[in-house]
Amino acid sequence: MADIQISAHISKETRELVERYADAHGMKKGALVEQALLHHLQALRELPADVIIPPQIELTAESFARAAALAAKPRKPNKAMRELCAGKAGEP
């Protein structure tokens, strides 16, 4: 089967990540991109849409302000969260 070439615009940061990963793992960039696309398309086919987390999330000014406020003053963890972090989750 003949290979088909596609063209896509990506950010400089993404290009650098692709090049670093490909170099570090001895892969050609085209093979890495094809593998990543196949993996992503398989996930889209097989997983429920609500478990697919986009790599970038866009926030409105209001939702960003709420997220920033929560990060600045996080709530105290409840008992279940303390047990989970202590490695005791699910113990009788």
PDB file of N, CA and C in Angstrom:
ATOM      1  N   MET A   1       0.843  -1.169   0.000  1.00  0.00           N
ATOM      2  CA  MET A   1       0.000   0.000   0.000  1.00  0.00           C
ATOM      3  C   MET A   1       0.895   1.241   0.000  1.00  0.00           C
ATOM      4  N   ALA A   2       0.574   2.197  -0.830  1.00  0.00           N
ATOM      5  CA  ALA A   2       1.353   3.416  -0.910  1.00  0.00           C
ATOM      6  C   ALA A   2       1.005   4.345   0.245  1.00  0.00           C
ATOM      7  N   ASP A   3       2.018   5.025   0.747  1.00  0.00           N
ATOM      8  CA  ASP A   3       1.783   5.999   1.805  1.00  0.00           C
ATOM      9  C   ASP A   3       1.201   7.270   1.212  1.00  0.00           C
ATOM     10  N   ILE A   4       0.364   7.925   1.992  1.00  0.00           N
ATOM     11  CA  ILE A   4      -0.245   9.185   1.608  1.00  0.00           C
ATOM     12  C   ILE A   4       0.334  10.260   2.517  1.00  0.00           C
ATOM     13  N   GLN A   5       0.678  11.398   1.958  1.00  0.00           N
ATOM     14  CA  GLN A   5       1.207  12.487   2.763  1.00  0.00           C
ATOM     15  C   GLN A   5       0.095  13.470   3.082  1.00  0.00           C
ATOM     16  N   ILE A   6       0.053  13.911   4.338  1.00  0.00           N
ATOM     17  CA  ILE A   6      -0.900  14.940   4.731  1.00  0.00           C
ATOM     18  C   ILE A   6      -0.112  16.123   5.277  1.00  0.00           C
ATOM     19  N   SER A   7      -0.758  17.264   5.303  1.00  0.00           N
ATOM     20  CA  SER A   7      -0.131  18.468   5.831  1.00  0.00           C
ATOM     21  C   SER A   7      -1.014  19.016   6.935  1.00  0.00           C
ATOM     22  N   ALA A   8      -0.394  19.462   8.011  1.00  0.00           N
ATOM     23  CA  ALA A   8      -1.158  20.020   9.127  1.00  0.00           C
ATOM     24  C   ALA A   8      -0.348  21.132   9.776  1.00  0.00           C
ATOM     25  N   HIS A   9      -1.044  22.134  10.233  1.00  0.00           N
ATOM     26  CA  HIS A   9      -0.400  23.215  10.975  1.00  0.00           C
ATOM     27  C   HIS A   9      -0.410  22.846  12.450  1.00  0.00           C
ATOM     28  N   ILE A  10       0.763  22.894  13.086  1.00  0.00           N
ATOM     29  CA  ILE A  10       0.869  22.620  14.516  1.00  0.00           C
ATOM     30  C   ILE A  10       1.691  23.733  15.153  1.00  0.00           C
ATOM     31  N   SER A  11       1.575  23.859  16.453  1.00  0.00           N
ATOM     32  CA  SER A  11       2.322  24.900  17.150  1.00  0.00           C
ATOM     33  C   SER A  11       3.805  24.543  17.189  1.00  0.00           C
ATOM     34  N   LYS A  12       4.609  25.565  17.414  1.00  0.00           N
ATOM     35  CA  LYS A  12       6.052  25.368  17.541  1.00  0.00           C
ATOM     36  C   LYS A  12       6.357  24.422  18.699  1.00  0.00           C
ATOM     37  N   GLU A  13       5.604  24.578  19.791  1.00  0.00           N
ATOM     38  CA  GLU A  13       5.815  23.740  20.969  1.00  0.00           C
ATOM     39  C   GLU A  13       5.527  22.267  20.662  1.00  0.00           C
ATOM     40  N   THR A  14       4.432  22.019  19.924  1.00  0.00           N
ATOM     41  CA  THR A  14       4.093  20.639  19.564  1.00  0.00           C
ATOM     42  C   THR A  14       5.162  20.058  18.645  1.00  0.00           C
ATOM     43  N   ARG A  15       5.615  20.845  17.706  1.00  0.00           N
ATOM     44  CA  ARG A  15       6.669  20.376  16.795  1.00  0.00           C
ATOM     45  C   ARG A  15       7.915  19.979  17.587  1.00  0.00           C
ATOM     46  N   GLU A  16       8.292  20.810  18.553  1.00  0.00           N
ATOM     47  CA  GLU A  16       9.471  20.504  19.361  1.00  0.00           C
ATOM     48  C   GLU A  16       9.268  19.220  20.166  1.00  0.00           C
ATOM     49  N   LEU A  17       8.068  19.028  20.708  1.00  0.00           N
ATOM     50  CA  LEU A  17       7.778  17.795  21.445  1.00  0.00           C
ATOM     51  C   LEU A  17       7.881  16.571  20.540  1.00  0.00           C
ATOM     52  N   VAL A  18       7.327  16.679  19.342  1.00  0.00           N
ATOM     53  CA  VAL A  18       7.389  15.571  18.379  1.00  0.00           C
ATOM     54  C   VAL A  18       8.833  15.250  18.035  1.00  0.00           C
ATOM     55  N   GLU A  19       9.605  16.284  17.731  1.00  0.00           N
ATOM     56  CA  GLU A  19      11.004  16.062  17.347  1.00  0.00           C
ATOM     57  C   GLU A  19      11.812  15.459  18.492  1.00  0.00           C
ATOM     58  N   ARG A  20      11.613  15.963  19.713  1.00  0.00           N
ATOM     59  CA  ARG A  20      12.354  15.416  20.860  1.00  0.00           C
ATOM     60  C   ARG A  20      11.995  13.957  21.108  1.00  0.00           C
ATOM     61  N   TYR A  21      10.678  13.644  21.062  1.00  0.00           N
ATOM     62  CA  TYR A  21      10.256  12.267  21.309  1.00  0.00           C
ATOM     63  C   TYR A  21      10.796  11.340  20.221  1.00  0.00           C
ATOM     64  N   ALA A  22      10.655  11.760  18.973  1.00  0.00           N
ATOM     65  CA  ALA A  22      11.119  10.922  17.863  1.00  0.00           C
ATOM     66  C   ALA A  22      12.623  10.673  17.962  1.00  0.00           C
ATOM     67  N   ASP A  23      13.384  11.712  18.252  1.00  0.00           N
ATOM     68  CA  ASP A  23      14.835  11.557  18.385  1.00  0.00           C
ATOM     69  C   ASP A  23      15.194  10.646  19.557  1.00  0.00           C
ATOM     70  N   ALA A  24      14.525  10.850  20.680  1.00  0.00           N
ATOM     71  CA  ALA A  24      14.847  10.072  21.879  1.00  0.00           C
ATOM     72  C   ALA A  24      14.516   8.596  21.724  1.00  0.00           C
ATOM     73  N   HIS A  25      13.524   8.285  20.881  1.00  0.00           N
ATOM     74  CA  HIS A  25      13.091   6.898  20.720  1.00  0.00           C
ATOM     75  C   HIS A  25      13.481   6.295  19.381  1.00  0.00           C
ATOM     76  N   GLY A  26      14.307   7.004  18.631  1.00  0.00           N
ATOM     77  CA  GLY A  26      14.782   6.485  17.350  1.00  0.00           C
ATOM     78  C   GLY A  26      13.670   6.258  16.343  1.00  0.00           C
ATOM     79  N   MET A  27      12.673   7.127  16.368  1.00  0.00           N
ATOM     80  CA  MET A  27      11.534   6.983  15.453  1.00  0.00           C
ATOM     81  C   MET A  27      11.586   8.077  14.403  1.00  0.00           C
ATOM     82  N   LYS A  28      10.983   7.779  13.274  1.00  0.00           N
ATOM     83  CA  LYS A  28      10.771   8.829  12.291  1.00  0.00           C
ATOM     84  C   LYS A  28       9.527   9.599  12.706  1.00  0.00           C
ATOM     85  N   LYS A  29       9.533  10.903  12.448  1.00  0.00           N
ATOM     86  CA  LYS A  29       8.401  11.736  12.856  1.00  0.00           C
ATOM     87  C   LYS A  29       7.096  11.270  12.223  1.00  0.00           C
ATOM     88  N   GLY A  30       7.149  10.851  10.978  1.00  0.00           N
ATOM     89  CA  GLY A  30       5.939  10.378  10.309  1.00  0.00           C
ATOM     90  C   GLY A  30       5.349   9.152  10.988  1.00  0.00           C
ATOM     91  N   ALA A  31       6.221   8.241  11.421  1.00  0.00           N
ATOM     92  CA  ALA A  31       5.751   7.041  12.115  1.00  0.00           C
ATOM     93  C   ALA A  31       5.135   7.406  13.457  1.00  0.00           C
ATOM     94  N   LEU A  32       5.746   8.362  14.157  1.00  0.00           N
ATOM     95  CA  LEU A  32       5.203   8.799  15.438  1.00  0.00           C
ATOM     96  C   LEU A  32       3.829   9.433  15.263  1.00  0.00           C
ATOM     97  N   VAL A  33       3.692  10.295  14.260  1.00  0.00           N
ATOM     98  CA  VAL A  33       2.412  10.956  14.017  1.00  0.00           C
ATOM     99  C   VAL A  33       1.347   9.931  13.643  1.00  0.00           C
ATOM    100  N   GLU A  34       1.688   8.987  12.782  1.00  0.00           N
ATOM    101  CA  GLU A  34       0.704   7.971  12.406  1.00  0.00           C
ATOM    102  C   GLU A  34       0.296   7.123  13.607  1.00  0.00           C
ATOM    103  N   GLN A  35       1.256   6.723  14.420  1.00  0.00           N
ATOM    104  CA  GLN A  35       0.952   5.933  15.607  1.00  0.00           C
ATOM    105  C   GLN A  35       0.046   6.723  16.555  1.00  0.00           C
ATOM    106  N   ALA A  36       0.346   7.999  16.747  1.00  0.00           N
ATOM    107  CA  ALA A  36      -0.463   8.830  17.640  1.00  0.00           C
ATOM    108  C   ALA A  36      -1.885   8.994  17.100  1.00  0.00           C
ATOM    109  N   LEU A  37      -2.017   9.216  15.796  1.00  0.00           N
ATOM    110  CA  LEU A  37      -3.345   9.355  15.197  1.00  0.00           C
ATOM    111  C   LEU A  37      -4.147   8.066  15.331  1.00  0.00           C
ATOM    112  N   LEU A  38      -3.519   6.937  15.061  1.00  0.00           N
ATOM    113  CA  LEU A  38      -4.220   5.660  15.182  1.00  0.00           C
ATOM    114  C   LEU A  38      -4.658   5.420  16.626  1.00  0.00           C
ATOM    115  N   HIS A  39      -3.794   5.730  17.566  1.00  0.00           N
ATOM    116  CA  HIS A  39      -4.124   5.550  18.976  1.00  0.00           C
ATOM    117  C   HIS A  39      -5.297   6.441  19.367  1.00  0.00           C
ATOM    118  N   HIS A  40      -5.258   7.685  18.949  1.00  0.00           N
ATOM    119  CA  HIS A  40      -6.330   8.624  19.286  1.00  0.00           C
ATOM    120  C   HIS A  40      -7.653   8.215  18.625  1.00  0.00           C
ATOM    121  N   LEU A  41      -7.612   7.837  17.379  1.00  0.00           N
ATOM    122  CA  LEU A  41      -8.831   7.428  16.682  1.00  0.00           C
ATOM    123  C   LEU A  41      -9.428   6.163  17.300  1.00  0.00           C
ATOM    124  N   GLN A  42      -8.571   5.235  17.732  1.00  0.00           N
ATOM    125  CA  GLN A  42      -9.068   4.041  18.404  1.00  0.00           C
ATOM    126  C   GLN A  42      -9.751   4.416  19.714  1.00  0.00           C
ATOM    127  N   ALA A  43      -9.148   5.326  20.476  1.00  0.00           N
ATOM    128  CA  ALA A  43      -9.755   5.766  21.734  1.00  0.00           C
ATOM    129  C   ALA A  43     -11.105   6.422  21.480  1.00  0.00           C
ATOM    130  N   LEU A  44     -11.199   7.244  20.448  1.00  0.00           N
ATOM    131  CA  LEU A  44     -12.463   7.899  20.121  1.00  0.00           C
ATOM    132  C   LEU A  44     -13.541   6.877  19.751  1.00  0.00           C
ATOM    133  N   ARG A  45     -13.138   5.793  19.097  1.00  0.00           N
ATOM    134  CA  ARG A  45     -14.087   4.744  18.708  1.00  0.00           C
ATOM    135  C   ARG A  45     -14.539   3.906  19.891  1.00  0.00           C
ATOM    136  N   GLU A  46     -13.625   3.598  20.787  1.00  0.00           N
ATOM    137  CA  GLU A  46     -13.885   2.592  21.803  1.00  0.00           C
ATOM    138  C   GLU A  46     -14.280   3.134  23.173  1.00  0.00           C
ATOM    139  N   LEU A  47     -13.973   4.370  23.447  1.00  0.00           N
ATOM    140  CA  LEU A  47     -14.264   4.910  24.779  1.00  0.00           C
ATOM    141  C   LEU A  47     -15.477   5.831  24.738  1.00  0.00           C
ATOM    142  N   PRO A  48     -16.208   5.902  25.836  1.00  0.00           N
ATOM    143  CA  PRO A  48     -17.321   6.854  25.893  1.00  0.00           C
ATOM    144  C   PRO A  48     -16.785   8.282  25.780  1.00  0.00           C
ATOM    145  N   ALA A  49     -17.530   9.135  25.122  1.00  0.00           N
ATOM    146  CA  ALA A  49     -17.084  10.503  24.866  1.00  0.00           C
ATOM    147  C   ALA A  49     -16.763  11.262  26.146  1.00  0.00           C
ATOM    148  N   ASP A  50     -17.451  10.941  27.245  1.00  0.00           N
ATOM    149  CA  ASP A  50     -17.231  11.712  28.473  1.00  0.00           C
ATOM    150  C   ASP A  50     -15.934  11.351  29.202  1.00  0.00           C
ATOM    151  N   VAL A  51     -15.225  10.313  28.764  1.00  0.00           N
ATOM    152  CA  VAL A  51     -13.949   9.994  29.399  1.00  0.00           C
ATOM    153  C   VAL A  51     -12.753  10.485  28.584  1.00  0.00           C
ATOM    154  N   ILE A  52     -13.012  11.027  27.411  1.00  0.00           N
ATOM    155  CA  ILE A  52     -11.939  11.584  26.593  1.00  0.00           C
ATOM    156  C   ILE A  52     -11.649  12.994  27.098  1.00  0.00           C
ATOM    157  N   ILE A  53     -10.452  13.200  27.591  1.00  0.00           N
ATOM    158  CA  ILE A  53     -10.065  14.505  28.123  1.00  0.00           C
ATOM    159  C   ILE A  53      -9.230  15.217  27.058  1.00  0.00           C
ATOM    160  N   PRO A  54      -9.689  16.372  26.608  1.00  0.00           N
ATOM    161  CA  PRO A  54      -8.926  17.096  25.592  1.00  0.00           C
ATOM    162  C   PRO A  54      -7.588  17.575  26.160  1.00  0.00           C
ATOM    163  N   PRO A  55      -6.547  17.643  25.318  1.00  0.00           N
ATOM    164  CA  PRO A  55      -5.244  18.074  25.819  1.00  0.00           C
ATOM    165  C   PRO A  55      -5.214  19.550  26.206  1.00  0.00           C
ATOM    166  N   GLN A  56      -6.162  20.311  25.706  1.00  0.00           N
ATOM    167  CA  GLN A  56      -6.270  21.723  26.062  1.00  0.00           C
ATOM    168  C   GLN A  56      -7.715  21.997  26.438  1.00  0.00           C
ATOM    169  N   ILE A  57      -7.883  22.774  27.484  1.00  0.00           N
ATOM    170  CA  ILE A  57      -9.219  23.125  27.935  1.00  0.00           C
ATOM    171  C   ILE A  57      -9.355  24.639  27.879  1.00  0.00           C
ATOM    172  N   GLU A  58     -10.415  25.097  27.240  1.00  0.00           N
ATOM    173  CA  GLU A  58     -10.658  26.534  27.159  1.00  0.00           C
ATOM    174  C   GLU A  58     -11.633  26.934  28.254  1.00  0.00           C
ATOM    175  N   LEU A  59     -11.278  27.966  28.981  1.00  0.00           N
ATOM    176  CA  LEU A  59     -12.115  28.464  30.057  1.00  0.00           C
ATOM    177  C   LEU A  59     -12.630  29.858  29.722  1.00  0.00           C
ATOM    178  N   THR A  60     -13.834  30.138  30.174  1.00  0.00           N
ATOM    179  CA  THR A  60     -14.318  31.508  30.090  1.00  0.00           C
ATOM    180  C   THR A  60     -13.608  32.291  31.190  1.00  0.00           C
ATOM    181  N   ALA A  61     -13.705  33.600  31.134  1.00  0.00           N
ATOM    182  CA  ALA A  61     -13.092  34.424  32.174  1.00  0.00           C
ATOM    183  C   ALA A  61     -13.680  34.074  33.535  1.00  0.00           C
ATOM    184  N   GLU A  62     -14.989  33.818  33.559  1.00  0.00           N
ATOM    185  CA  GLU A  62     -15.659  33.481  34.817  1.00  0.00           C
ATOM    186  C   GLU A  62     -15.190  32.128  35.355  1.00  0.00           C
ATOM    187  N   SER A  63     -15.135  31.115  34.494  1.00  0.00           N
ATOM    188  CA  SER A  63     -14.718  29.795  34.971  1.00  0.00           C
ATOM    189  C   SER A  63     -13.240  29.791  35.358  1.00  0.00           C
ATOM    190  N   PHE A  64     -12.422  30.591  34.680  1.00  0.00           N
ATOM    191  CA  PHE A  64     -11.013  30.701  35.062  1.00  0.00           C
ATOM    192  C   PHE A  64     -10.890  31.319  36.448  1.00  0.00           C
ATOM    193  N   ALA A  65     -11.670  32.354  36.702  1.00  0.00           N
ATOM    194  CA  ALA A  65     -11.627  33.013  38.013  1.00  0.00           C
ATOM    195  C   ALA A  65     -12.039  32.039  39.115  1.00  0.00           C
ATOM    196  N   ARG A  66     -13.062  31.226  38.861  1.00  0.00           N
ATOM    197  CA  ARG A  66     -13.490  30.233  39.855  1.00  0.00           C
ATOM    198  C   ARG A  66     -12.397  29.191  40.094  1.00  0.00           C
ATOM    199  N   ALA A  67     -11.777  28.722  39.015  1.00  0.00           N
ATOM    200  CA  ALA A  67     -10.710  27.720  39.146  1.00  0.00           C
ATOM    201  C   ALA A  67      -9.515  28.303  39.886  1.00  0.00           C
ATOM    202  N   ALA A  68      -9.166  29.533  39.578  1.00  0.00           N
ATOM    203  CA  ALA A  68      -8.035  30.186  40.256  1.00  0.00           C
ATOM    204  C   ALA A  68      -8.330  30.358  41.745  1.00  0.00           C
ATOM    205  N   ALA A  69      -9.566  30.719  42.073  1.00  0.00           N
ATOM    206  CA  ALA A  69      -9.937  30.890  43.476  1.00  0.00           C
ATOM    207  C   ALA A  69      -9.854  29.563  44.226  1.00  0.00           C
ATOM    208  N   LEU A  70     -10.310  28.484  43.601  1.00  0.00           N
ATOM    209  CA  LEU A  70     -10.232  27.165  44.238  1.00  0.00           C
ATOM    210  C   LEU A  70      -8.781  26.724  44.422  1.00  0.00           C
ATOM    211  N   ALA A  71      -7.941  27.024  43.447  1.00  0.00           N
ATOM    212  CA  ALA A  71      -6.534  26.642  43.556  1.00  0.00           C
ATOM    213  C   ALA A  71      -5.827  27.461  44.630  1.00  0.00           C
ATOM    214  N   ALA A  72      -6.229  28.716  44.775  1.00  0.00           N
ATOM    215  CA  ALA A  72      -5.592  29.583  45.765  1.00  0.00           C
ATOM    216  C   ALA A  72      -5.979  29.191  47.184  1.00  0.00           C
ATOM    217  N   LYS A  73      -7.192  28.694  47.358  1.00  0.00           N
ATOM    218  CA  LYS A  73      -7.663  28.323  48.693  1.00  0.00           C
ATOM    219  C   LYS A  73      -8.394  26.981  48.607  1.00  0.00           C
ATOM    220  N   PRO A  74      -7.622  25.892  48.518  1.00  0.00           N
ATOM    221  CA  PRO A  74      -8.264  24.582  48.368  1.00  0.00           C
ATOM    222  C   PRO A  74      -9.027  24.174  49.628  1.00  0.00           C
ATOM    223  N   ARG A  75     -10.061  23.381  49.416  1.00  0.00           N
ATOM    224  CA  ARG A  75     -10.848  22.869  50.538  1.00  0.00           C
ATOM    225  C   ARG A  75     -10.054  21.810  51.298  1.00  0.00           C
ATOM    226  N   LYS A  76     -10.371  21.628  52.576  1.00  0.00           N
ATOM    227  CA  LYS A  76      -9.742  20.564  53.351  1.00  0.00           C
ATOM    228  C   LYS A  76     -10.204  19.222  52.796  1.00  0.00           C
ATOM    229  N   PRO A  77      -9.296  18.249  52.708  1.00  0.00           N
ATOM    230  CA  PRO A  77      -9.711  16.930  52.224  1.00  0.00           C
ATOM    231  C   PRO A  77     -10.634  16.242  53.223  1.00  0.00           C
ATOM    232  N   ASN A  78     -11.623  15.532  52.690  1.00  0.00           N
ATOM    233  CA  ASN A  78     -12.525  14.787  53.575  1.00  0.00           C
ATOM    234  C   ASN A  78     -11.855  13.462  53.973  1.00  0.00           C
ATOM    235  N   LYS A  79     -12.530  12.698  54.807  1.00  0.00           N
ATOM    236  CA  LYS A  79     -11.963  11.451  55.329  1.00  0.00           C
ATOM    237  C   LYS A  79     -11.596  10.486  54.201  1.00  0.00           C
ATOM    238  N   ALA A  80     -12.479  10.347  53.225  1.00  0.00           N
ATOM    239  CA  ALA A  80     -12.212   9.421  52.115  1.00  0.00           C
ATOM    240  C   ALA A  80     -10.958   9.839  51.345  1.00  0.00           C
ATOM    241  N   MET A  81     -10.767  11.137  51.136  1.00  0.00           N
ATOM    242  CA  MET A  81      -9.586  11.608  50.406  1.00  0.00           C
ATOM    243  C   MET A  81      -8.319  11.390  51.243  1.00  0.00           C
ATOM    244  N   ARG A  82      -8.394  11.629  52.548  1.00  0.00           N
ATOM    245  CA  ARG A  82      -7.233  11.390  53.414  1.00  0.00           C
ATOM    246  C   ARG A  82      -6.853   9.914  53.396  1.00  0.00           C
ATOM    247  N   GLU A  83      -7.840   9.031  53.432  1.00  0.00           N
ATOM    248  CA  GLU A  83      -7.565   7.593  53.388  1.00  0.00           C
ATOM    249  C   GLU A  83      -6.976   7.185  52.045  1.00  0.00           C
ATOM    250  N   LEU A  84      -7.504   7.760  50.982  1.00  0.00           N
ATOM    251  CA  LEU A  84      -6.973   7.455  49.659  1.00  0.00           C
ATOM    252  C   LEU A  84      -5.505   7.862  49.563  1.00  0.00           C
ATOM    253  N   CYS A  85      -5.192   9.065  50.009  1.00  0.00           N
ATOM    254  CA  CYS A  85      -3.801   9.547  49.943  1.00  0.00           C
ATOM    255  C   CYS A  85      -2.883   8.774  50.864  1.00  0.00           C
ATOM    256  N   ALA A  86      -3.429   8.215  51.927  1.00  0.00           N
ATOM    257  CA  ALA A  86      -2.636   7.422  52.871  1.00  0.00           C
ATOM    258  C   ALA A  86      -2.499   5.975  52.408  1.00  0.00           C
ATOM    259  N   GLY A  87      -3.142   5.632  51.306  1.00  0.00           N
ATOM    260  CA  GLY A  87      -3.075   4.267  50.801  1.00  0.00           C
ATOM    261  C   GLY A  87      -4.006   3.307  51.501  1.00  0.00           C
ATOM    262  N   LYS A  88      -5.012   3.859  52.161  1.00  0.00           N
ATOM    263  CA  LYS A  88      -5.945   3.015  52.919  1.00  0.00           C
ATOM    264  C   LYS A  88      -7.316   2.927  52.246  1.00  0.00           C
ATOM    265  N   ALA A  89      -7.446   3.395  51.052  1.00  0.00           N
ATOM    266  CA  ALA A  89      -8.741   3.404  50.383  1.00  0.00           C
ATOM    267  C   ALA A  89      -9.262   1.993  50.182  1.00  0.00           C
ATOM    268  N   GLY A  90     -10.521   1.792  50.518  1.00  0.00           N
ATOM    269  CA  GLY A  90     -11.170   0.513  50.314  1.00  0.00           C
ATOM    270  C   GLY A  90     -10.878  -0.521  51.390  1.00  0.00           C
ATOM    271  N   GLU A  91     -10.112  -0.152  52.390  1.00  0.00           N
ATOM    272  CA  GLU A  91      -9.838  -1.105  53.474  1.00  0.00           C
ATOM    273  C   GLU A  91     -11.023  -1.159  54.426  1.00  0.00           C
ATOM    274  N   PRO A  92     -11.335  -2.346  54.949  1.00  0.00           N
ATOM    275  CA  PRO A  92     -12.451  -2.459  55.895  1.00  0.00           C
ATOM    276  C   PRO A  92     -12.144  -1.838  57.234  1.00  0.00           C
TER     277      PRO A  92
END
